[in-house]
C-alpha atoms as a PDB file:
ATOM      1  CA  MET A   1     228.779  77.709-203.484  1.00  0.00           C
ATOM      2  CA  LEU A   2     226.170  77.089-206.155  1.00  0.00           C
ATOM      3  CA  SER A   3     225.727  73.517-207.241  1.00  0.00           C
ATOM      4  CA  THR A   4     226.841  72.470-210.702  1.00  0.00           C
ATOM      5  CA  ARG A   5     223.209  72.048-211.767  1.00  0.00           C
ATOM      6  CA  ILE A   6     222.171  75.543-210.652  1.00  0.00           C
ATOM      7  CA  ARG A   7     225.204  77.056-212.363  1.00  0.00           C
ATOM      8  CA  ALA A   8     224.188  75.205-215.535  1.00  0.00           C
ATOM      9  CA  TYR A   9     220.673  76.661-215.384  1.00  0.00           C
ATOM     10  CA  ILE A  10     222.126  80.153-214.940  1.00  0.00           C
ATOM     11  CA  ALA A  11     224.624  79.687-217.760  1.00  0.00           C
ATOM     12  CA  ALA A  12     221.864  78.468-220.071  1.00  0.00           C
ATOM     13  CA  THR A  13     220.121  81.834-219.730  1.00  0.00           C
ATOM     14  CA  HIS A  14     223.092  83.299-221.662  1.00  0.00           C
ATOM     15  CA  PHE A  15     223.807  85.112-218.430  1.00  0.00           C
ATOM     16  CA  PRO A  16     226.047  88.026-219.566  1.00  0.00           C
ATOM     17  CA  GLN A  17     223.597  89.079-222.295  1.00  0.00           C
ATOM     18  CA  ALA A  18     220.581  88.482-220.041  1.00  0.00           C
ATOM     19  CA  LEU A  19     222.071  90.502-217.190  1.00  0.00           C
ATOM     20  CA  THR A  20     222.891  93.345-219.578  1.00  0.00           C
ATOM     21  CA  MET A  21     219.281  93.525-220.778  1.00  0.00           C
ATOM     22  CA  VAL A  22     217.901  93.354-217.225  1.00  0.00           C
ATOM     23  CA  LEU A  23     220.142  96.158-216.012  1.00  0.00           C
ATOM     24  CA  LEU A  24     219.591  98.254-219.151  1.00  0.00           C
ATOM     25  CA  THR A  25     215.803  98.185-218.901  1.00  0.00           C
ATOM     26  CA  THR A  26     215.631  98.594-215.124  1.00  0.00           C
ATOM     27  CA  ILE A  27     218.100 101.491-215.068  1.00  0.00           C
ATOM     28  CA  SER A  28     216.353 103.119-218.039  1.00  0.00           C
ATOM     29  CA  SER A  29     212.996 102.944-216.245  1.00  0.00           C
ATOM     30  CA  TRP A  30     214.588 104.494-213.161  1.00  0.00           C
ATOM     31  CA  ALA A  31     216.283 107.198-215.238  1.00  0.00           C
ATOM     32  CA  LEU A  32     212.920 108.131-216.768  1.00  0.00           C
ATOM     33  CA  GLY A  33     211.493 108.759-213.323  1.00  0.00           C
ATOM     34  CA  GLN A  34     210.243 105.460-211.934  1.00  0.00           C
ATOM     35  CA  GLN A  35     211.449 105.170-208.342  1.00  0.00           C
ATOM     36  CA  ARG A  36     208.795 102.997-206.729  1.00  0.00           C
ATOM     37  CA  PHE A  37     208.479  99.256-206.218  1.00  0.00           C
ATOM     38  CA  VAL A  38     207.469  99.051-209.899  1.00  0.00           C
ATOM     39  CA  LEU A  39     211.193  98.828-210.623  1.00  0.00           C
ATOM     40  CA  ILE A  40     211.115  95.412-208.943  1.00  0.00           C
ATOM     41  CA  PHE A  41     208.344  94.359-211.335  1.00  0.00           C
ATOM     42  CA  VAL A  42     210.423  95.597-214.283  1.00  0.00           C
ATOM     43  CA  PHE A  43     213.429  93.651-213.016  1.00  0.00           C
ATOM     44  CA  ILE A  44     211.447  90.420-212.551  1.00  0.00           C
ATOM     45  CA  ALA A  45     209.617  90.732-215.887  1.00  0.00           C
ATOM     46  CA  VAL A  46     212.800  91.239-217.889  1.00  0.00           C
ATOM     47  CA  ALA A  47     214.801  88.667-215.913  1.00  0.00           C
ATOM     48  CA  ALA A  48     212.094  86.050-216.483  1.00  0.00           C
ATOM     49  CA  GLY A  49     211.778  86.971-220.147  1.00  0.00           C
ATOM     50  CA  GLN A  50     215.514  86.804-220.745  1.00  0.00           C
ATOM     51  CA  ALA A  51     215.777  83.493-218.884  1.00  0.00           C
ATOM     52  CA  SER A  52     213.037  81.970-221.044  1.00  0.00           C
ATOM     53  CA  ILE A  53     214.738  83.247-224.208  1.00  0.00           C
ATOM     54  CA  GLY A  54     218.111  81.811-223.244  1.00  0.00           C
ATOM     55  CA  TRP A  55     216.664  78.476-222.174  1.00  0.00           C
ATOM     56  CA  VAL A  56     214.629  78.064-225.371  1.00  0.00           C
ATOM     57  CA  ASN A  57     217.693  78.985-227.424  1.00  0.00           C
ATOM     58  CA  ASP A  58     219.907  76.383-225.745  1.00  0.00           C
ATOM     59  CA  ARG A  59     217.177  73.747-225.890  1.00  0.00           C
ATOM     60  CA  GLN A  60     216.609  74.429-229.591  1.00  0.00           C
ATOM     61  CA  ASP A  61     220.348  74.296-230.372  1.00  0.00           C
ATOM     62  CA  ALA A  62     221.132  71.281-228.171  1.00  0.00           C
ATOM     63  CA  LYS A  63     221.648  68.873-231.066  1.00  0.00           C
ATOM     64  CA  PHE A  64     223.828  71.334-233.013  1.00  0.00           C
ATOM     65  CA  ASP A  65     225.908  72.134-229.939  1.00  0.00           C
ATOM     66  CA  SER A  66     226.399  68.450-229.124  1.00  0.00           C
ATOM     67  CA  ALA A  67     227.406  67.658-232.716  1.00  0.00           C
ATOM     68  CA  LEU A  68     229.978  70.462-232.549  1.00  0.00           C
ATOM     69  CA  ASN A  69     231.113  69.335-229.081  1.00  0.00           C
ATOM     70  CA  ARG A  70     230.598  72.795-227.596  1.00  0.00           C
ATOM     71  CA  ALA A  71     231.624  71.870-224.078  1.00  0.00           C
ATOM     72  CA  GLU A  72     230.909  75.388-222.781  1.00  0.00           C
ATOM     73  CA  LYS A  73     227.197  74.838-223.389  1.00  0.00           C
ATOM     74  CA  PRO A  74     225.300  73.499-220.333  1.00  0.00           C
ATOM     75  CA  LEU A  75     223.272  71.040-222.433  1.00  0.00           C
ATOM     76  CA  VAL A  76     226.427  69.460-223.850  1.00  0.00           C
ATOM     77  CA  GLY A  77     227.519  66.820-221.383  1.00  0.00           C
ATOM     78  CA  ASP A  78     225.826  65.710-218.179  1.00  0.00           C
ATOM     79  CA  SER A  79     224.966  69.046-216.538  1.00  0.00           C
ATOM     80  CA  LEU A  80     221.494  69.405-218.066  1.00  0.00           C
ATOM     81  CA  GLN A  81     219.260  67.639-220.540  1.00  0.00           C
ATOM     82  CA  PRO A  82     216.836  69.448-222.880  1.00  0.00           C
ATOM     83  CA  ALA A  83     213.873  68.042-220.925  1.00  0.00           C
ATOM     84  CA  ASP A  84     215.211  69.717-217.769  1.00  0.00           C
ATOM     85  CA  LEU A  85     214.430  73.131-219.272  1.00  0.00           C
ATOM     86  CA  VAL A  86     210.750  72.533-220.086  1.00  0.00           C
ATOM     87  CA  ARG A  87     209.321  73.390-216.660  1.00  0.00           C
ATOM     88  CA  PRO A  88     211.661  76.375-216.066  1.00  0.00           C
ATOM     89  CA  ILE A  89     210.668  77.774-219.470  1.00  0.00           C
ATOM     90  CA  GLN A  90     206.986  77.445-218.579  1.00  0.00           C
ATOM     91  CA  ILE A  91     207.458  79.136-215.196  1.00  0.00           C
ATOM     92  CA  ALA A  92     209.606  81.930-216.627  1.00  0.00           C
ATOM     93  CA  SER A  93     207.083  82.558-219.400  1.00  0.00           C
ATOM     94  CA  ALA A  94     204.221  82.820-216.902  1.00  0.00           C
ATOM     95  CA  LEU A  95     206.220  85.235-214.730  1.00  0.00           C
ATOM     96  CA  THR A  96     207.034  87.296-217.820  1.00  0.00           C
ATOM     97  CA  VAL A  97     203.345  87.772-218.640  1.00  0.00           C
ATOM     98  CA  ILE A  98     202.269  88.555-215.071  1.00  0.00           C
ATOM     99  CA  PHE A  99     205.042  90.990-214.184  1.00  0.00           C
ATOM    100  CA  SER A 100     205.078  92.699-217.583  1.00  0.00           C
ATOM    101  CA  PHE A 101     201.500  93.854-216.995  1.00  0.00           C
ATOM    102  CA  LEU A 102     202.240  94.756-213.366  1.00  0.00           C
ATOM    103  CA  ALA A 103     205.274  96.784-214.434  1.00  0.00           C
ATOM    104  CA  ALA A 104     203.891  98.709-217.400  1.00  0.00           C
ATOM    105  CA  GLY A 105     200.142  98.337-217.662  1.00  0.00           C
ATOM    106  CA  TRP A 106     198.261  96.725-220.509  1.00  0.00           C
ATOM    107  CA  ILE A 107     200.005  98.439-223.438  1.00  0.00           C
ATOM    108  CA  GLY A 108     203.540  98.479-222.068  1.00  0.00           C
ATOM    109  CA  GLY A 109     203.139  94.972-220.678  1.00  0.00           C
ATOM    110  CA  LEU A 110     201.903  93.678-224.028  1.00  0.00           C
ATOM    111  CA  ALA A 111     204.859  95.384-225.735  1.00  0.00           C
ATOM    112  CA  HIS A 112     207.289  93.449-223.526  1.00  0.00           C
ATOM    113  CA  ILE A 113     205.444  90.168-224.003  1.00  0.00           C
ATOM    114  CA  LEU A 114     205.568  90.678-227.784  1.00  0.00           C
ATOM    115  CA  ALA A 115     209.276  91.542-227.532  1.00  0.00           C
ATOM    116  CA  VAL A 116     209.919  88.220-225.790  1.00  0.00           C
ATOM    117  CA  ALA A 117     207.699  86.415-228.316  1.00  0.00           C
ATOM    118  CA  SER A 118     209.720  87.993-231.129  1.00  0.00           C
ATOM    119  CA  ALA A 119     212.940  86.716-229.555  1.00  0.00           C
ATOM    120  CA  GLN A 120     211.412  83.254-229.290  1.00  0.00           C
ATOM    121  CA  THR A 121     210.505  83.463-232.989  1.00  0.00           C
ATOM    122  CA  TYR A 122     214.207  83.982-233.619  1.00  0.00           C
ATOM    123  CA  ASN A 123     215.028  80.914-231.510  1.00  0.00           C
ATOM    124  CA  LEU A 124     212.458  78.644-233.123  1.00  0.00           C
ATOM    125  CA  TYR A 125     212.280  79.785-236.737  1.00  0.00           C
ATOM    126  CA  LEU A 126     214.537  82.607-237.940  1.00  0.00           C
ATOM    127  CA  ALA A 127     217.942  82.090-236.291  1.00  0.00           C
ATOM    128  CA  ARG A 128     219.326  80.153-239.260  1.00  0.00           C
ATOM    129  CA  THR A 129     217.842  82.371-241.974  1.00  0.00           C
ATOM    130  CA  THR A 130     218.765  85.694-243.530  1.00  0.00           C
ATOM    131  CA  TRP A 131     215.871  87.170-241.518  1.00  0.00           C
ATOM    132  CA  SER A 132     217.731  86.498-238.271  1.00  0.00           C
ATOM    133  CA  TRP A 133     218.131  90.254-237.705  1.00  0.00           C
ATOM    134  CA  LEU A 134     214.378  90.972-237.734  1.00  0.00           C
ATOM    135  CA  PRO A 135     213.435  89.651-234.258  1.00  0.00           C
ATOM    136  CA  TYR A 136     216.262  91.695-232.733  1.00  0.00           C
ATOM    137  CA  ALA A 137     214.961  94.836-234.447  1.00  0.00           C
ATOM    138  CA  VAL A 138     211.365  94.151-233.374  1.00  0.00           C
ATOM    139  CA  SER A 139     212.236  93.222-229.784  1.00  0.00           C
ATOM    140  CA  PHE A 140     214.511  96.195-229.142  1.00  0.00           C
ATOM    141  CA  GLY A 141     211.975  98.563-230.688  1.00  0.00           C
ATOM    142  CA  LEU A 142     209.164  97.210-228.498  1.00  0.00           C
ATOM    143  CA  LEU A 143     211.333  97.482-225.380  1.00  0.00           C
ATOM    144  CA  THR A 144     211.247 101.276-225.697  1.00  0.00           C
ATOM    145  CA  VAL A 145     207.462 101.148-225.258  1.00  0.00           C
ATOM    146  CA  PHE A 146     207.795  98.864-222.240  1.00  0.00           C
ATOM    147  CA  VAL A 147     210.435 101.023-220.566  1.00  0.00           C
ATOM    148  CA  THR A 148     208.639 104.330-221.085  1.00  0.00           C
ATOM    149  CA  GLN A 149     205.267 102.905-220.010  1.00  0.00           C
ATOM    150  CA  SER A 150     206.864 101.372-216.918  1.00  0.00           C
ATOM    151  CA  SER A 151     207.986 104.878-215.973  1.00  0.00           C
ATOM    152  CA  SER A 152     204.614 106.517-216.640  1.00  0.00           C
ATOM    153  CA  LEU A 153     201.506 105.427-218.516  1.00  0.00           C
ATOM    154  CA  GLU A 154     201.482 108.927-220.008  1.00  0.00           C
ATOM    155  CA  LEU A 155     204.989 108.563-221.453  1.00  0.00           C
ATOM    156  CA  TRP A 156     205.714 107.277-224.963  1.00  0.00           C
ATOM    157  CA  PRO A 157     209.013 106.834-226.806  1.00  0.00           C
ATOM    158  CA  SER A 158     209.845 109.277-229.588  1.00  0.00           C
ATOM    159  CA  TRP A 159     210.225 107.918-233.100  1.00  0.00           C
ATOM    160  CA  GLN A 160     213.949 108.675-232.881  1.00  0.00           C
ATOM    161  CA  LEU A 161     214.284 106.571-229.734  1.00  0.00           C
ATOM    162  CA  VAL A 162     212.442 103.653-231.342  1.00  0.00           C
ATOM    163  CA  LEU A 163     214.687 103.794-234.421  1.00  0.00           C
ATOM    164  CA  ILE A 164     217.788 104.008-232.237  1.00  0.00           C
ATOM    165  CA  ALA A 165     216.671 100.901-230.357  1.00  0.00           C
ATOM    166  CA  ILE A 166     215.993  99.064-233.634  1.00  0.00           C
ATOM    167  CA  CYS A 167     219.487  99.915-234.910  1.00  0.00           C
ATOM    168  CA  VAL A 168     221.042  98.863-231.592  1.00  0.00           C
ATOM    169  CA  GLY A 169     219.174  95.559-231.825  1.00  0.00           C
ATOM    170  CA  VAL A 170     220.526  94.762-235.278  1.00  0.00           C
ATOM    171  CA  ILE A 171     224.054  95.760-234.232  1.00  0.00           C
ATOM    172  CA  ALA A 172     223.717  93.518-231.167  1.00  0.00           C
ATOM    173  CA  HIS A 173     222.713  90.641-233.438  1.00  0.00           C
ATOM    174  CA  VAL A 174     225.725  91.184-235.686  1.00  0.00           C
ATOM    175  CA  PHE A 175     228.222  91.189-232.833  1.00  0.00           C
ATOM    176  CA  ASN A 176     226.476  88.301-231.095  1.00  0.00           C
ATOM    177  CA  ALA A 177     226.697  86.177-234.259  1.00  0.00           C
ATOM    178  CA  LEU A 178     230.209  87.104-235.428  1.00  0.00           C
ATOM    179  CA  PRO A 179     232.135  84.880-232.949  1.00  0.00           C
ATOM    180  CA  ASP A 180     230.276  81.788-234.213  1.00  0.00           C
ATOM    181  CA  MET A 181     230.264  82.747-237.887  1.00  0.00           C
ATOM    182  CA  GLN A 182     232.952  80.351-239.106  1.00  0.00           C
ATOM    183  CA  ARG A 183     231.632  77.477-237.020  1.00  0.00           C
ATOM    184  CA  ASP A 184     228.077  78.059-238.279  1.00  0.00           C
ATOM    185  CA  LYS A 185     229.277  78.353-241.867  1.00  0.00           C
ATOM    186  CA  GLN A 186     231.218  75.095-241.694  1.00  0.00           C
ATOM    187  CA  SER A 187     228.145  73.386-240.234  1.00  0.00           C
ATOM    188  CA  ASN A 188     225.881  74.756-242.993  1.00  0.00           C
ATOM    189  CA  LEU A 189     223.959  76.830-240.474  1.00  0.00           C
ATOM    190  CA  GLY A 190     222.528  80.057-241.844  1.00  0.00           C
ATOM    191  CA  GLY A 191     221.908  83.526-240.477  1.00  0.00           C
ATOM    192  CA  LEU A 192     222.440  87.067-241.723  1.00  0.00           C
ATOM    193  CA  VAL A 193     226.078  87.257-240.635  1.00  0.00           C
ATOM    194  CA  VAL A 194     226.885  83.925-242.298  1.00  0.00           C
ATOM    195  CA  ALA A 195     225.210  85.120-245.503  1.00  0.00           C
ATOM    196  CA  LEU A 196     227.009  88.482-245.546  1.00  0.00           C
ATOM    197  CA  GLY A 197     230.408  87.469-244.197  1.00  0.00           C
ATOM    198  CA  LYS A 198     232.451  89.437-241.679  1.00  0.00           C
ATOM    199  CA  PRO A 199     233.409  92.513-243.787  1.00  0.00           C
ATOM    200  CA  LYS A 200     229.852  93.210-244.964  1.00  0.00           C
ATOM    201  CA  SER A 201     228.417  92.509-241.529  1.00  0.00           C
ATOM    202  CA  LEU A 202     230.790  95.030-239.982  1.00  0.00           C
ATOM    203  CA  ALA A 203     229.885  97.497-242.728  1.00  0.00           C
ATOM    204  CA  VAL A 204     226.191  97.110-241.854  1.00  0.00           C
ATOM    205  CA  ALA A 205     226.970  97.659-238.179  1.00  0.00           C
ATOM    206  CA  THR A 206     229.002 100.762-239.017  1.00  0.00           C
ATOM    207  CA  VAL A 207     226.223 102.269-241.129  1.00  0.00           C
ATOM    208  CA  LEU A 208     223.717 101.637-238.363  1.00  0.00           C
ATOM    209  CA  ALA A 209     226.071 103.227-235.824  1.00  0.00           C
ATOM    210  CA  VAL A 210     226.210 106.348-238.019  1.00  0.00           C
ATOM    211  CA  VAL A 211     222.395 106.368-238.169  1.00  0.00           C
ATOM    212  CA  ILE A 212     222.287 106.157-234.369  1.00  0.00           C
ATOM    213  CA  LEU A 213     224.629 109.147-234.059  1.00  0.00           C
ATOM    214  CA  TRP A 214     222.474 111.127-236.509  1.00  0.00           C
ATOM    215  CA  LEU A 215     219.319 110.296-234.545  1.00  0.00           C
ATOM    216  CA  LEU A 216     220.978 111.238-231.255  1.00  0.00           C
ATOM    217  CA  LEU A 217     222.030 114.557-232.764  1.00  0.00           C
ATOM    218  CA  ASP A 218     218.482 115.122-233.999  1.00  0.00           C
ATOM    219  CA  LEU A 219     217.146 114.402-230.512  1.00  0.00           C
ATOM    220  CA  TRP A 220     219.622 116.837-228.978  1.00  0.00           C
ATOM    221  CA  LEU A 221     218.823 119.601-231.441  1.00  0.00           C
ATOM    222  CA  THR A 222     215.051 119.266-231.063  1.00  0.00           C
ATOM    223  CA  ARG A 223     214.845 118.890-227.296  1.00  0.00           C
END
């Protein structure tokens, strides 16, 4: 069995969300034709990137989480201390840079590095502002470049695919923030969902879902 400390490190990556992104990008690269060992590079690059994002997020929110007594958070209690995440963040960030370039070349690799940097901008600066949606939009949009370039350096995402990814990113942000909306509001913590409230946030997500369906239809009709 994994030790309590290792489980805490894994939990601090925001494991369900991180695993979803790792599987989504790796499977997408495979579906677009990549069947070589490059898939391993894709897997490592995204896993390292997602780990660094989750660890920075938990380290940044450690004081808020402790004040709210969020016992489910690894940095609340004795499992981990914020300082324990510094070296893992550094290692994960280095692996992200190296394997992003190995997986998708200079352009695709840079796109993934910028996607991770955008997510870190959310963690460090924009999470508690009404611009909290923007890093999600940027990161998901850039991931389409990374995935297509990891499949072939001659392959580029269509504008419809990029817009679909952007819409998916904003929807993901809405549904990621909704469970904590009341808690954040009571603690005077900002964010788009807190500013809009639940009904308007769901309305935004619905509109974006309709846009995604329209773009998918456009892709189908023009293929």
